[in-house]
Amino acid sequence: LDPARYPEVNQPEGQSFKLACQQCHVLPDPQRHTATEWPAVVARMEKNMEWMNRVVGNQHPPDEPQLRVEEINAFLVKRARKG
């Protein structure tokens, strides 16, 4: 992801996206999918994160930020590839 193209990734609006997605891979370009496709992609990634946490036995500390799927979807859908 080119931060010059999407500077809002470093603003509060992009923090949930940045925090969640960069745990496992480089940040994807929002133009990679359409607004209709992104929620299914995010749901699949959420399942992957749940699976990884079970495999490695991680337990979330109570003060750890929680996954904010709605904010991630909003960020991606707003910048998604058109149709």
N, C-alpha and C. Protein backbone atom coordinates (compact mmCIF):
# COMPACT_ATOMS: atom_id res chain seq x y z
N LEU A 1 0.85 -1.18 0.00
CA LEU A 1 0.00 0.00 0.00
C LEU A 1 0.89 1.24 0.00
N ASP A 2 0.59 2.15 -0.88
CA ASP A 2 1.35 3.38 -0.98
C ASP A 2 0.74 4.43 -0.04
N PRO A 3 1.42 4.75 1.06
CA PRO A 3 0.88 5.73 2.01
C PRO A 3 0.70 7.12 1.39
N ALA A 4 1.43 7.42 0.33
CA ALA A 4 1.24 8.71 -0.35
C ALA A 4 -0.11 8.74 -1.05
N ARG A 5 -0.54 7.59 -1.54
CA ARG A 5 -1.83 7.50 -2.21
C ARG A 5 -2.99 7.44 -1.22
N TYR A 6 -2.74 6.85 -0.06
CA TYR A 6 -3.76 6.70 0.98
C TYR A 6 -3.22 7.24 2.31
N PRO A 7 -3.01 8.55 2.43
CA PRO A 7 -2.44 9.09 3.67
C PRO A 7 -3.34 8.86 4.88
N GLU A 8 -4.63 8.66 4.65
CA GLU A 8 -5.55 8.46 5.76
C GLU A 8 -5.32 7.13 6.49
N VAL A 9 -4.45 6.25 5.94
CA VAL A 9 -4.11 5.03 6.64
C VAL A 9 -3.39 5.36 7.96
N ASN A 10 -2.77 6.53 8.01
CA ASN A 10 -2.07 6.96 9.23
C ASN A 10 -2.91 7.91 10.07
N GLN A 11 -4.17 8.06 9.73
CA GLN A 11 -5.10 8.88 10.49
C GLN A 11 -6.02 7.95 11.29
N PRO A 12 -6.79 8.48 12.24
CA PRO A 12 -7.70 7.62 13.01
C PRO A 12 -8.62 6.76 12.13
N GLU A 13 -9.04 7.28 11.00
CA GLU A 13 -9.92 6.55 10.10
C GLU A 13 -9.30 5.24 9.60
N GLY A 14 -7.99 5.21 9.45
CA GLY A 14 -7.32 4.03 8.93
C GLY A 14 -6.65 3.15 9.96
N GLN A 15 -6.73 3.51 11.23
CA GLN A 15 -5.99 2.78 12.25
C GLN A 15 -6.43 1.33 12.42
N SER A 16 -7.73 1.06 12.41
CA SER A 16 -8.20 -0.33 12.57
C SER A 16 -7.72 -1.19 11.42
N PHE A 17 -7.81 -0.65 10.21
CA PHE A 17 -7.33 -1.35 9.02
C PHE A 17 -5.84 -1.65 9.15
N LYS A 18 -5.07 -0.65 9.47
CA LYS A 18 -3.61 -0.78 9.57
C LYS A 18 -3.22 -1.77 10.66
N LEU A 19 -3.81 -1.62 11.83
CA LEU A 19 -3.47 -2.47 12.97
C LEU A 19 -3.77 -3.93 12.70
N ALA A 20 -4.94 -4.21 12.14
CA ALA A 20 -5.34 -5.60 11.92
C ALA A 20 -4.58 -6.24 10.77
N CYS A 21 -4.55 -5.57 9.64
CA CYS A 21 -4.05 -6.20 8.42
C CYS A 21 -2.55 -6.40 8.41
N GLN A 22 -1.80 -5.46 8.97
CA GLN A 22 -0.35 -5.60 8.90
C GLN A 22 0.20 -6.62 9.89
N GLN A 23 -0.66 -7.22 10.69
CA GLN A 23 -0.19 -8.29 11.58
C GLN A 23 0.28 -9.50 10.79
N CYS A 24 -0.35 -9.73 9.62
CA CYS A 24 -0.05 -10.94 8.86
C CYS A 24 0.57 -10.70 7.49
N HIS A 25 0.38 -9.52 6.92
CA HIS A 25 0.87 -9.26 5.56
C HIS A 25 0.95 -7.76 5.33
N VAL A 26 1.52 -7.39 4.19
CA VAL A 26 1.57 -5.97 3.85
C VAL A 26 0.14 -5.48 3.65
N LEU A 27 -0.07 -4.21 3.86
CA LEU A 27 -1.41 -3.66 3.71
C LEU A 27 -1.86 -3.74 2.25
N PRO A 28 -3.06 -4.27 2.02
CA PRO A 28 -3.54 -4.38 0.64
C PRO A 28 -4.02 -3.03 0.12
N ASP A 29 -3.87 -2.84 -1.16
CA ASP A 29 -4.42 -1.65 -1.80
C ASP A 29 -5.94 -1.79 -1.83
N PRO A 30 -6.68 -0.82 -1.34
CA PRO A 30 -8.15 -0.91 -1.36
C PRO A 30 -8.73 -1.11 -2.76
N GLN A 31 -7.99 -0.73 -3.79
CA GLN A 31 -8.46 -0.90 -5.16
C GLN A 31 -8.35 -2.36 -5.64
N ARG A 32 -7.82 -3.21 -4.80
CA ARG A 32 -7.66 -4.62 -5.16
C ARG A 32 -9.01 -5.31 -5.33
N HIS A 33 -10.03 -4.83 -4.62
CA HIS A 33 -11.37 -5.43 -4.68
C HIS A 33 -12.41 -4.33 -4.81
N THR A 34 -13.62 -4.74 -5.19
CA THR A 34 -14.74 -3.79 -5.24
C THR A 34 -15.36 -3.67 -3.85
N ALA A 35 -16.23 -2.68 -3.71
CA ALA A 35 -16.93 -2.47 -2.43
C ALA A 35 -17.77 -3.69 -2.07
N THR A 36 -18.28 -4.38 -3.05
CA THR A 36 -19.08 -5.58 -2.80
C THR A 36 -18.20 -6.74 -2.34
N GLU A 37 -16.99 -6.83 -2.84
CA GLU A 37 -16.08 -7.94 -2.52
C GLU A 37 -15.41 -7.80 -1.15
N TRP A 38 -15.10 -6.57 -0.74
CA TRP A 38 -14.30 -6.38 0.48
C TRP A 38 -14.88 -7.03 1.73
N PRO A 39 -16.17 -6.91 2.03
CA PRO A 39 -16.66 -7.54 3.27
C PRO A 39 -16.39 -9.04 3.34
N ALA A 40 -16.50 -9.74 2.22
CA ALA A 40 -16.21 -11.19 2.22
C ALA A 40 -14.72 -11.44 2.44
N VAL A 41 -13.88 -10.61 1.86
CA VAL A 41 -12.43 -10.75 2.06
C VAL A 41 -12.08 -10.50 3.53
N VAL A 42 -12.64 -9.45 4.10
CA VAL A 42 -12.37 -9.13 5.51
C VAL A 42 -12.88 -10.26 6.41
N ALA A 43 -14.04 -10.82 6.11
CA ALA A 43 -14.57 -11.94 6.91
C ALA A 43 -13.63 -13.14 6.84
N ARG A 44 -13.09 -13.41 5.65
CA ARG A 44 -12.15 -14.52 5.50
C ARG A 44 -10.87 -14.28 6.31
N MET A 45 -10.39 -13.04 6.29
CA MET A 45 -9.19 -12.70 7.06
C MET A 45 -9.47 -12.81 8.57
N GLU A 46 -10.66 -12.42 8.97
CA GLU A 46 -11.04 -12.53 10.39
C GLU A 46 -11.01 -14.00 10.82
N LYS A 47 -11.52 -14.89 9.98
CA LYS A 47 -11.48 -16.33 10.28
C LYS A 47 -10.04 -16.82 10.34
N ASN A 48 -9.19 -16.34 9.43
CA ASN A 48 -7.78 -16.73 9.45
C ASN A 48 -7.12 -16.30 10.75
N MET A 49 -7.44 -15.09 11.21
CA MET A 49 -6.85 -14.60 12.46
C MET A 49 -7.33 -15.44 13.64
N GLU A 50 -8.61 -15.81 13.65
CA GLU A 50 -9.14 -16.66 14.72
C GLU A 50 -8.43 -18.01 14.71
N TRP A 51 -8.25 -18.58 13.53
CA TRP A 51 -7.59 -19.88 13.40
C TRP A 51 -6.14 -19.79 13.88
N MET A 52 -5.43 -18.74 13.47
CA MET A 52 -4.04 -18.59 13.89
C MET A 52 -3.93 -18.46 15.41
N ASN A 53 -4.85 -17.74 16.00
CA ASN A 53 -4.81 -17.58 17.45
C ASN A 53 -5.06 -18.91 18.16
N ARG A 54 -5.92 -19.76 17.60
CA ARG A 54 -6.14 -21.09 18.19
C ARG A 54 -4.91 -21.97 18.02
N VAL A 55 -4.29 -21.91 16.84
CA VAL A 55 -3.14 -22.76 16.55
C VAL A 55 -1.97 -22.43 17.46
N VAL A 56 -1.69 -21.17 17.63
CA VAL A 56 -0.54 -20.79 18.46
C VAL A 56 -0.91 -20.58 19.91
N GLY A 57 -2.19 -20.69 20.24
CA GLY A 57 -2.63 -20.62 21.63
C GLY A 57 -2.61 -19.22 22.22
N ASN A 58 -2.70 -18.21 21.39
CA ASN A 58 -2.70 -16.84 21.91
C ASN A 58 -4.01 -16.52 22.61
N GLN A 59 -3.91 -15.80 23.67
CA GLN A 59 -5.08 -15.25 24.36
C GLN A 59 -4.90 -13.74 24.34
N HIS A 60 -5.97 -13.04 23.99
CA HIS A 60 -5.87 -11.58 23.92
C HIS A 60 -5.80 -10.98 25.32
N PRO A 61 -4.78 -10.16 25.57
CA PRO A 61 -4.75 -9.43 26.83
C PRO A 61 -5.95 -8.48 26.90
N PRO A 62 -6.49 -8.24 28.08
CA PRO A 62 -7.69 -7.40 28.19
C PRO A 62 -7.49 -5.98 27.65
N ASP A 63 -6.28 -5.45 27.69
CA ASP A 63 -6.04 -4.09 27.21
C ASP A 63 -5.66 -4.02 25.73
N GLU A 64 -5.61 -5.16 25.05
CA GLU A 64 -5.26 -5.18 23.63
C GLU A 64 -6.42 -4.65 22.79
N PRO A 65 -6.13 -3.83 21.78
CA PRO A 65 -7.21 -3.33 20.92
C PRO A 65 -7.93 -4.50 20.25
N GLN A 66 -9.23 -4.38 20.17
CA GLN A 66 -10.04 -5.43 19.55
C GLN A 66 -10.21 -5.16 18.06
N LEU A 67 -10.43 -6.22 17.32
CA LEU A 67 -10.64 -6.12 15.89
C LEU A 67 -11.94 -5.37 15.63
N ARG A 68 -11.86 -4.32 14.85
CA ARG A 68 -13.03 -3.49 14.54
C ARG A 68 -13.38 -3.68 13.06
N VAL A 69 -14.09 -4.77 12.80
CA VAL A 69 -14.41 -5.17 11.43
C VAL A 69 -15.20 -4.08 10.70
N GLU A 70 -16.15 -3.45 11.38
CA GLU A 70 -16.96 -2.42 10.73
C GLU A 70 -16.09 -1.26 10.26
N GLU A 71 -15.12 -0.86 11.06
CA GLU A 71 -14.22 0.23 10.68
C GLU A 71 -13.31 -0.17 9.52
N ILE A 72 -12.86 -1.41 9.54
CA ILE A 72 -12.00 -1.91 8.45
C ILE A 72 -12.79 -1.93 7.15
N ASN A 73 -13.99 -2.49 7.20
CA ASN A 73 -14.83 -2.52 6.00
C ASN A 73 -15.13 -1.12 5.50
N ALA A 74 -15.44 -0.21 6.39
CA ALA A 74 -15.77 1.17 5.98
C ALA A 74 -14.57 1.81 5.27
N PHE A 75 -13.39 1.61 5.81
CA PHE A 75 -12.18 2.17 5.20
C PHE A 75 -11.98 1.61 3.79
N LEU A 76 -12.10 0.29 3.65
CA LEU A 76 -11.85 -0.37 2.37
C LEU A 76 -12.94 -0.08 1.34
N VAL A 77 -14.18 -0.15 1.77
CA VAL A 77 -15.31 0.06 0.84
C VAL A 77 -15.28 1.48 0.28
N LYS A 78 -14.93 2.45 1.11
CA LYS A 78 -14.88 3.85 0.66
C LYS A 78 -13.85 4.05 -0.45
N ARG A 79 -12.79 3.24 -0.45
CA ARG A 79 -11.69 3.42 -1.40
C ARG A 79 -11.60 2.30 -2.43
N ALA A 80 -12.59 1.45 -2.46
CA ALA A 80 -12.58 0.25 -3.31
C ALA A 80 -12.60 0.59 -4.80
N ARG A 81 -12.20 -0.41 -5.56
CA ARG A 81 -12.26 -0.32 -7.01
C ARG A 81 -13.73 -0.19 -7.44
N LYS A 82 -14.00 0.65 -8.37
CA LYS A 82 -15.35 0.83 -8.86
C LYS A 82 -15.74 -0.33 -9.76
N GLY A 83 -16.93 -0.86 -9.51
CA GLY A 83 -17.62 -1.87 -10.26
C GLY A 83 -16.93 -2.86 -11.01
